[in-house]
Amino acid sequence: MVDRSRSRQFPQLIEALKSQLKAQGLTQRDIAERLGVSLATIKRWLAGDGLTTRHMEDLCDLALVSLLELVEAAA
């Protein structure tokens, strides 16, 4: 049985990712252009919708952080 009383951790991971992307001076438009996707797609991903592990790794590459480092930063 899953303990649902604990807060969800994925939103914290997304916030840490946004912070890292901002630290690199990247706007959502910059990210969309670099990854070859629409601005709407980036907005969805950064809201946590449709964000796959591969997309997360692509975003981490732009943020100059590994996925493991991102998890540690969110903890």
PDB file of N, CA and C in Angstrom:
ATOM      1  N   MET A   1       0.835  -1.174   0.000  1.00  0.00           N
ATOM      2  CA  MET A   1       0.000   0.000   0.000  1.00  0.00           C
ATOM      3  C   MET A   1       0.885   1.244   0.000  1.00  0.00           C
ATOM      4  N   VAL A   2       0.502   2.230  -0.793  1.00  0.00           N
ATOM      5  CA  VAL A   2       1.251   3.470  -0.920  1.00  0.00           C
ATOM      6  C   VAL A   2       0.795   4.454   0.141  1.00  0.00           C
ATOM      7  N   ASP A   3       1.762   5.069   0.807  1.00  0.00           N
ATOM      8  CA  ASP A   3       1.452   6.081   1.808  1.00  0.00           C
ATOM      9  C   ASP A   3       1.188   7.406   1.104  1.00  0.00           C
ATOM     10  N   ARG A   4      -0.071   7.766   0.958  1.00  0.00           N
ATOM     11  CA  ARG A   4      -0.442   8.989   0.241  1.00  0.00           C
ATOM     12  C   ARG A   4      -0.357  10.231   1.131  1.00  0.00           C
ATOM     13  N   SER A   5      -0.006  10.041   2.386  1.00  0.00           N
ATOM     14  CA  SER A   5       0.113  11.192   3.272  1.00  0.00           C
ATOM     15  C   SER A   5       1.404  11.970   3.010  1.00  0.00           C
ATOM     16  N   ARG A   6       2.355  11.320   2.363  1.00  0.00           N
ATOM     17  CA  ARG A   6       3.608  12.010   2.022  1.00  0.00           C
ATOM     18  C   ARG A   6       3.354  12.919   0.832  1.00  0.00           C
ATOM     19  N   SER A   7       4.030  14.057   0.817  1.00  0.00           N
ATOM     20  CA  SER A   7       3.843  14.978  -0.301  1.00  0.00           C
ATOM     21  C   SER A   7       4.481  14.400  -1.559  1.00  0.00           C
ATOM     22  N   ARG A   8       3.936  14.764  -2.674  1.00  0.00           N
ATOM     23  CA  ARG A   8       4.467  14.321  -3.959  1.00  0.00           C
ATOM     24  C   ARG A   8       5.816  14.981  -4.196  1.00  0.00           C
ATOM     25  N   GLN A   9       6.724  14.237  -4.791  1.00  0.00           N
ATOM     26  CA  GLN A   9       8.080  14.728  -4.981  1.00  0.00           C
ATOM     27  C   GLN A   9       8.332  15.266  -6.388  1.00  0.00           C
ATOM     28  N   PHE A  10       7.522  14.847  -7.368  1.00  0.00           N
ATOM     29  CA  PHE A  10       7.757  15.277  -8.741  1.00  0.00           C
ATOM     30  C   PHE A  10       7.663  16.796  -8.895  1.00  0.00           C
ATOM     31  N   PRO A  11       6.687  17.459  -8.263  1.00  0.00           N
ATOM     32  CA  PRO A  11       6.657  18.929  -8.372  1.00  0.00           C
ATOM     33  C   PRO A  11       7.939  19.594  -7.862  1.00  0.00           C
ATOM     34  N   GLN A  12       8.542  19.029  -6.834  1.00  0.00           N
ATOM     35  CA  GLN A  12       9.807  19.571  -6.325  1.00  0.00           C
ATOM     36  C   GLN A  12      10.915  19.401  -7.363  1.00  0.00           C
ATOM     37  N   LEU A  13      10.896  18.287  -8.054  1.00  0.00           N
ATOM     38  CA  LEU A  13      11.887  18.034  -9.100  1.00  0.00           C
ATOM     39  C   LEU A  13      11.721  19.033 -10.243  1.00  0.00           C
ATOM     40  N   ILE A  14      10.483  19.284 -10.637  1.00  0.00           N
ATOM     41  CA  ILE A  14      10.201  20.248 -11.698  1.00  0.00           C
ATOM     42  C   ILE A  14      10.672  21.648 -11.283  1.00  0.00           C
ATOM     43  N   GLU A  15      10.410  22.031 -10.051  1.00  0.00           N
ATOM     44  CA  GLU A  15      10.835  23.352  -9.581  1.00  0.00           C
ATOM     45  C   GLU A  15      12.357  23.470  -9.572  1.00  0.00           C
ATOM     46  N   ALA A  16      13.039  22.415  -9.167  1.00  0.00           N
ATOM     47  CA  ALA A  16      14.502  22.426  -9.187  1.00  0.00           C
ATOM     48  C   ALA A  16      15.010  22.553 -10.624  1.00  0.00           C
ATOM     49  N   LEU A  17      14.359  21.873 -11.555  1.00  0.00           N
ATOM     50  CA  LEU A  17      14.739  21.947 -12.964  1.00  0.00           C
ATOM     51  C   LEU A  17      14.538  23.366 -13.495  1.00  0.00           C
ATOM     52  N   LYS A  18      13.394  23.957 -13.192  1.00  0.00           N
ATOM     53  CA  LYS A  18      13.136  25.334 -13.629  1.00  0.00           C
ATOM     54  C   LYS A  18      14.201  26.279 -13.094  1.00  0.00           C
ATOM     55  N   SER A  19      14.571  26.092 -11.854  1.00  0.00           N
ATOM     56  CA  SER A  19      15.594  26.932 -11.234  1.00  0.00           C
ATOM     57  C   SER A  19      16.934  26.786 -11.948  1.00  0.00           C
ATOM     58  N   GLN A  20      17.290  25.558 -12.280  1.00  0.00           N
ATOM     59  CA  GLN A  20      18.552  25.308 -12.983  1.00  0.00           C
ATOM     60  C   GLN A  20      18.536  25.904 -14.391  1.00  0.00           C
ATOM     61  N   LEU A  21      17.415  25.789 -15.077  1.00  0.00           N
ATOM     62  CA  LEU A  21      17.295  26.358 -16.420  1.00  0.00           C
ATOM     63  C   LEU A  21      17.396  27.881 -16.354  1.00  0.00           C
ATOM     64  N   LYS A  22      16.746  28.473 -15.360  1.00  0.00           N
ATOM     65  CA  LYS A  22      16.802  29.922 -15.183  1.00  0.00           C
ATOM     66  C   LYS A  22      18.228  30.370 -14.876  1.00  0.00           C
ATOM     67  N   ALA A  23      18.932  29.586 -14.074  1.00  0.00           N
ATOM     68  CA  ALA A  23      20.319  29.914 -13.727  1.00  0.00           C
ATOM     69  C   ALA A  23      21.215  29.947 -14.968  1.00  0.00           C
ATOM     70  N   GLN A  24      20.836  29.198 -15.993  1.00  0.00           N
ATOM     71  CA  GLN A  24      21.579  29.204 -17.254  1.00  0.00           C
ATOM     72  C   GLN A  24      21.111  30.325 -18.180  1.00  0.00           C
ATOM     73  N   GLY A  25      20.143  31.112 -17.724  1.00  0.00           N
ATOM     74  CA  GLY A  25      19.641  32.227 -18.509  1.00  0.00           C
ATOM     75  C   GLY A  25      18.723  31.817 -19.646  1.00  0.00           C
ATOM     76  N   LEU A  26      18.142  30.627 -19.541  1.00  0.00           N
ATOM     77  CA  LEU A  26      17.291  30.113 -20.611  1.00  0.00           C
ATOM     78  C   LEU A  26      15.831  30.460 -20.387  1.00  0.00           C
ATOM     79  N   THR A  27      15.197  30.992 -21.414  1.00  0.00           N
ATOM     80  CA  THR A  27      13.764  31.226 -21.376  1.00  0.00           C
ATOM     81  C   THR A  27      13.074  29.984 -21.941  1.00  0.00           C
ATOM     82  N   GLN A  28      11.764  29.910 -21.743  1.00  0.00           N
ATOM     83  CA  GLN A  28      11.026  28.783 -22.312  1.00  0.00           C
ATOM     84  C   GLN A  28      11.150  28.770 -23.835  1.00  0.00           C
ATOM     85  N   ARG A  29      11.180  29.946 -24.446  1.00  0.00           N
ATOM     86  CA  ARG A  29      11.334  30.034 -25.901  1.00  0.00           C
ATOM     87  C   ARG A  29      12.708  29.496 -26.324  1.00  0.00           C
ATOM     88  N   ASP A  30      13.762  29.853 -25.578  1.00  0.00           N
ATOM     89  CA  ASP A  30      15.106  29.337 -25.870  1.00  0.00           C
ATOM     90  C   ASP A  30      15.126  27.816 -25.807  1.00  0.00           C
ATOM     91  N   ILE A  31      14.509  27.283 -24.774  1.00  0.00           N
ATOM     92  CA  ILE A  31      14.478  25.830 -24.578  1.00  0.00           C
ATOM     93  C   ILE A  31      13.756  25.159 -25.738  1.00  0.00           C
ATOM     94  N   ALA A  32      12.614  25.717 -26.119  1.00  0.00           N
ATOM     95  CA  ALA A  32      11.839  25.156 -27.228  1.00  0.00           C
ATOM     96  C   ALA A  32      12.668  25.142 -28.509  1.00  0.00           C
ATOM     97  N   GLU A  33      13.349  26.241 -28.793  1.00  0.00           N
ATOM     98  CA  GLU A  33      14.163  26.330 -30.008  1.00  0.00           C
ATOM     99  C   GLU A  33      15.299  25.320 -29.980  1.00  0.00           C
ATOM    100  N   ARG A  34      15.975  25.199 -28.859  1.00  0.00           N
ATOM    101  CA  ARG A  34      17.115  24.279 -28.757  1.00  0.00           C
ATOM    102  C   ARG A  34      16.699  22.818 -28.856  1.00  0.00           C
ATOM    103  N   LEU A  35      15.506  22.502 -28.358  1.00  0.00           N
ATOM    104  CA  LEU A  35      15.047  21.113 -28.405  1.00  0.00           C
ATOM    105  C   LEU A  35      14.191  20.814 -29.637  1.00  0.00           C
ATOM    106  N   GLY A  36      13.887  21.857 -30.422  1.00  0.00           N
ATOM    107  CA  GLY A  36      13.119  21.654 -31.646  1.00  0.00           C
ATOM    108  C   GLY A  36      11.673  21.271 -31.409  1.00  0.00           C
ATOM    109  N   VAL A  37      11.096  21.839 -30.348  1.00  0.00           N
ATOM    110  CA  VAL A  37       9.683  21.588 -30.034  1.00  0.00           C
ATOM    111  C   VAL A  37       8.987  22.934 -29.889  1.00  0.00           C
ATOM    112  N   SER A  38       7.675  22.909 -29.794  1.00  0.00           N
ATOM    113  CA  SER A  38       6.924  24.157 -29.671  1.00  0.00           C
ATOM    114  C   SER A  38       7.023  24.719 -28.256  1.00  0.00           C
ATOM    115  N   LEU A  39       6.757  26.005 -28.166  1.00  0.00           N
ATOM    116  CA  LEU A  39       6.717  26.667 -26.863  1.00  0.00           C
ATOM    117  C   LEU A  39       5.636  26.044 -25.981  1.00  0.00           C
ATOM    118  N   ALA A  40       4.507  25.701 -26.582  1.00  0.00           N
ATOM    119  CA  ALA A  40       3.420  25.061 -25.836  1.00  0.00           C
ATOM    120  C   ALA A  40       3.872  23.736 -25.225  1.00  0.00           C
ATOM    121  N   THR A  41       4.687  22.993 -25.964  1.00  0.00           N
ATOM    122  CA  THR A  41       5.205  21.714 -25.448  1.00  0.00           C
ATOM    123  C   THR A  41       6.079  21.951 -24.228  1.00  0.00           C
ATOM    124  N   ILE A  42       6.950  22.941 -24.293  1.00  0.00           N
ATOM    125  CA  ILE A  42       7.828  23.241 -23.152  1.00  0.00           C
ATOM    126  C   ILE A  42       6.993  23.664 -21.946  1.00  0.00           C
ATOM    127  N   LYS A  43       5.980  24.467 -22.170  1.00  0.00           N
ATOM    128  CA  LYS A  43       5.117  24.892 -21.071  1.00  0.00           C
ATOM    129  C   LYS A  43       4.437  23.691 -20.423  1.00  0.00           C
ATOM    130  N   ARG A  44       3.988  22.749 -21.250  1.00  0.00           N
ATOM    131  CA  ARG A  44       3.361  21.522 -20.720  1.00  0.00           C
ATOM    132  C   ARG A  44       4.368  20.723 -19.907  1.00  0.00           C
ATOM    133  N   TRP A  45       5.559  20.511 -20.495  1.00  0.00           N
ATOM    134  CA  TRP A  45       6.577  19.730 -19.800  1.00  0.00           C
ATOM    135  C   TRP A  45       6.926  20.348 -18.458  1.00  0.00           C
ATOM    136  N   LEU A  46       7.102  21.667 -18.431  1.00  0.00           N
ATOM    137  CA  LEU A  46       7.493  22.330 -17.191  1.00  0.00           C
ATOM    138  C   LEU A  46       6.343  22.445 -16.202  1.00  0.00           C
ATOM    139  N   ALA A  47       5.162  22.047 -16.645  1.00  0.00           N
ATOM    140  CA  ALA A  47       4.026  21.905 -15.733  1.00  0.00           C
ATOM    141  C   ALA A  47       3.904  20.450 -15.279  1.00  0.00           C
ATOM    142  N   GLY A  48       4.784  19.601 -15.825  1.00  0.00           N
ATOM    143  CA  GLY A  48       4.791  18.184 -15.446  1.00  0.00           C
ATOM    144  C   GLY A  48       3.956  17.294 -16.336  1.00  0.00           C
ATOM    145  N   ASP A  49       3.332  17.841 -17.366  1.00  0.00           N
ATOM    146  CA  ASP A  49       2.477  17.054 -18.253  1.00  0.00           C
ATOM    147  C   ASP A  49       3.275  16.505 -19.432  1.00  0.00           C
ATOM    148  N   GLY A  50       3.247  15.203 -19.594  1.00  0.00           N
ATOM    149  CA  GLY A  50       3.921  14.575 -20.727  1.00  0.00           C
ATOM    150  C   GLY A  50       5.431  14.575 -20.624  1.00  0.00           C
ATOM    151  N   LEU A  51       5.939  14.828 -19.453  1.00  0.00           N
ATOM    152  CA  LEU A  51       7.385  14.904 -19.258  1.00  0.00           C
ATOM    153  C   LEU A  51       7.950  13.504 -19.024  1.00  0.00           C
ATOM    154  N   THR A  52       8.545  12.945 -20.065  1.00  0.00           N
ATOM    155  CA  THR A  52       9.128  11.614 -19.968  1.00  0.00           C
ATOM    156  C   THR A  52      10.545  11.716 -19.402  1.00  0.00           C
ATOM    157  N   THR A  53      11.105  10.593 -19.073  1.00  0.00           N
ATOM    158  CA  THR A  53      12.486  10.568 -18.588  1.00  0.00           C
ATOM    159  C   THR A  53      13.425  11.126 -19.645  1.00  0.00           C
ATOM    160  N   ARG A  54      13.192  10.767 -20.893  1.00  0.00           N
ATOM    161  CA  ARG A  54      14.057  11.278 -21.976  1.00  0.00           C
ATOM    162  C   ARG A  54      13.976  12.797 -22.065  1.00  0.00           C
ATOM    163  N   HIS A  55      12.753  13.347 -22.000  1.00  0.00           N
ATOM    164  CA  HIS A  55      12.604  14.799 -22.052  1.00  0.00           C
ATOM    165  C   HIS A  55      13.278  15.449 -20.844  1.00  0.00           C
ATOM    166  N   MET A  56      13.130  14.825 -19.691  1.00  0.00           N
ATOM    167  CA  MET A  56      13.759  15.346 -18.476  1.00  0.00           C
ATOM    168  C   MET A  56      15.275  15.384 -18.647  1.00  0.00           C
ATOM    169  N   GLU A  57      15.839  14.329 -19.224  1.00  0.00           N
ATOM    170  CA  GLU A  57      17.285  14.299 -19.453  1.00  0.00           C
ATOM    171  C   GLU A  57      17.706  15.374 -20.452  1.00  0.00           C
ATOM    172  N   ASP A  58      16.896  15.597 -21.497  1.00  0.00           N
ATOM    173  CA  ASP A  58      17.191  16.660 -22.467  1.00  0.00           C
ATOM    174  C   ASP A  58      17.188  18.026 -21.786  1.00  0.00           C
ATOM    175  N   LEU A  59      16.218  18.245 -20.929  1.00  0.00           N
ATOM    176  CA  LEU A  59      16.139  19.508 -20.201  1.00  0.00           C
ATOM    177  C   LEU A  59      17.319  19.655 -19.236  1.00  0.00           C
ATOM    178  N   CYS A  60      17.698  18.567 -18.600  1.00  0.00           N
ATOM    179  CA  CYS A  60      18.859  18.593 -17.704  1.00  0.00           C
ATOM    180  C   CYS A  60      20.130  18.940 -18.476  1.00  0.00           C
ATOM    181  N   ASP A  61      20.264  18.402 -19.681  1.00  0.00           N
ATOM    182  CA  ASP A  61      21.434  18.726 -20.506  1.00  0.00           C
ATOM    183  C   ASP A  61      21.518  20.236 -20.739  1.00  0.00           C
ATOM    184  N   LEU A  62      20.383  20.862 -21.046  1.00  0.00           N
ATOM    185  CA  LEU A  62      20.362  22.309 -21.259  1.00  0.00           C
ATOM    186  C   LEU A  62      20.683  23.069 -19.978  1.00  0.00           C
ATOM    187  N   ALA A  63      20.261  22.523 -18.855  1.00  0.00           N
ATOM    188  CA  ALA A  63      20.490  23.161 -17.556  1.00  0.00           C
ATOM    189  C   ALA A  63      21.891  22.888 -17.018  1.00  0.00           C
ATOM    190  N   LEU A  64      22.654  22.084 -17.761  1.00  0.00           N
ATOM    191  CA  LEU A  64      24.018  21.712 -17.358  1.00  0.00           C
ATOM    192  C   LEU A  64      24.049  21.020 -15.995  1.00  0.00           C
ATOM    193  N   VAL A  65      23.093  20.118 -15.810  1.00  0.00           N
ATOM    194  CA  VAL A  65      22.996  19.355 -14.570  1.00  0.00           C
ATOM    195  C   VAL A  65      22.594  17.923 -14.935  1.00  0.00           C
ATOM    196  N   SER A  66      23.119  16.950 -14.221  1.00  0.00           N
ATOM    197  CA  SER A  66      22.692  15.579 -14.475  1.00  0.00           C
ATOM    198  C   SER A  66      21.358  15.329 -13.785  1.00  0.00           C
ATOM    199  N   LEU A  67      20.663  14.323 -14.227  1.00  0.00           N
ATOM    200  CA  LEU A  67      19.392  13.977 -13.596  1.00  0.00           C
ATOM    201  C   LEU A  67      19.605  13.647 -12.122  1.00  0.00           C
ATOM    202  N   LEU A  68      20.684  12.955 -11.818  1.00  0.00           N
ATOM    203  CA  LEU A  68      20.966  12.617 -10.419  1.00  0.00           C
ATOM    204  C   LEU A  68      21.254  13.860  -9.584  1.00  0.00           C
ATOM    205  N   GLU A  69      21.980  14.809 -10.159  1.00  0.00           N
ATOM    206  CA  GLU A  69      22.240  16.065  -9.448  1.00  0.00           C
ATOM    207  C   GLU A  69      20.940  16.837  -9.209  1.00  0.00           C
ATOM    208  N   LEU A  70      20.043  16.768 -10.193  1.00  0.00           N
ATOM    209  CA  LEU A  70      18.766  17.446 -10.060  1.00  0.00           C
ATOM    210  C   LEU A  70      17.941  16.838  -8.920  1.00  0.00           C
ATOM    211  N   VAL A  71      17.948  15.522  -8.851  1.00  0.00           N
ATOM    212  CA  VAL A  71      17.223  14.839  -7.777  1.00  0.00           C
ATOM    213  C   VAL A  71      17.794  15.250  -6.419  1.00  0.00           C
ATOM    214  N   GLU A  72      19.108  15.312  -6.325  1.00  0.00           N
ATOM    215  CA  GLU A  72      19.749  15.721  -5.072  1.00  0.00           C
ATOM    216  C   GLU A  72      19.384  17.164  -4.720  1.00  0.00           C
ATOM    217  N   ALA A  73      19.354  18.032  -5.741  1.00  0.00           N
ATOM    218  CA  ALA A  73      19.023  19.445  -5.495  1.00  0.00           C
ATOM    219  C   ALA A  73      17.573  19.602  -5.038  1.00  0.00           C
ATOM    220  N   ALA A  74      16.713  18.729  -5.499  1.00  0.00           N
ATOM    221  CA  ALA A  74      15.292  18.808  -5.140  1.00  0.00           C
ATOM    222  C   ALA A  74      15.013  18.237  -3.761  1.00  0.00           C
ATOM    223  N   ALA A  75      15.946  17.444  -3.261  1.00  0.00           N
ATOM    224  CA  ALA A  75      15.717  16.761  -1.974  1.00  0.00           C
ATOM    225  C   ALA A  75      15.792  17.693  -0.785  1.00  0.00           C
TER     226      ALA A  75
END
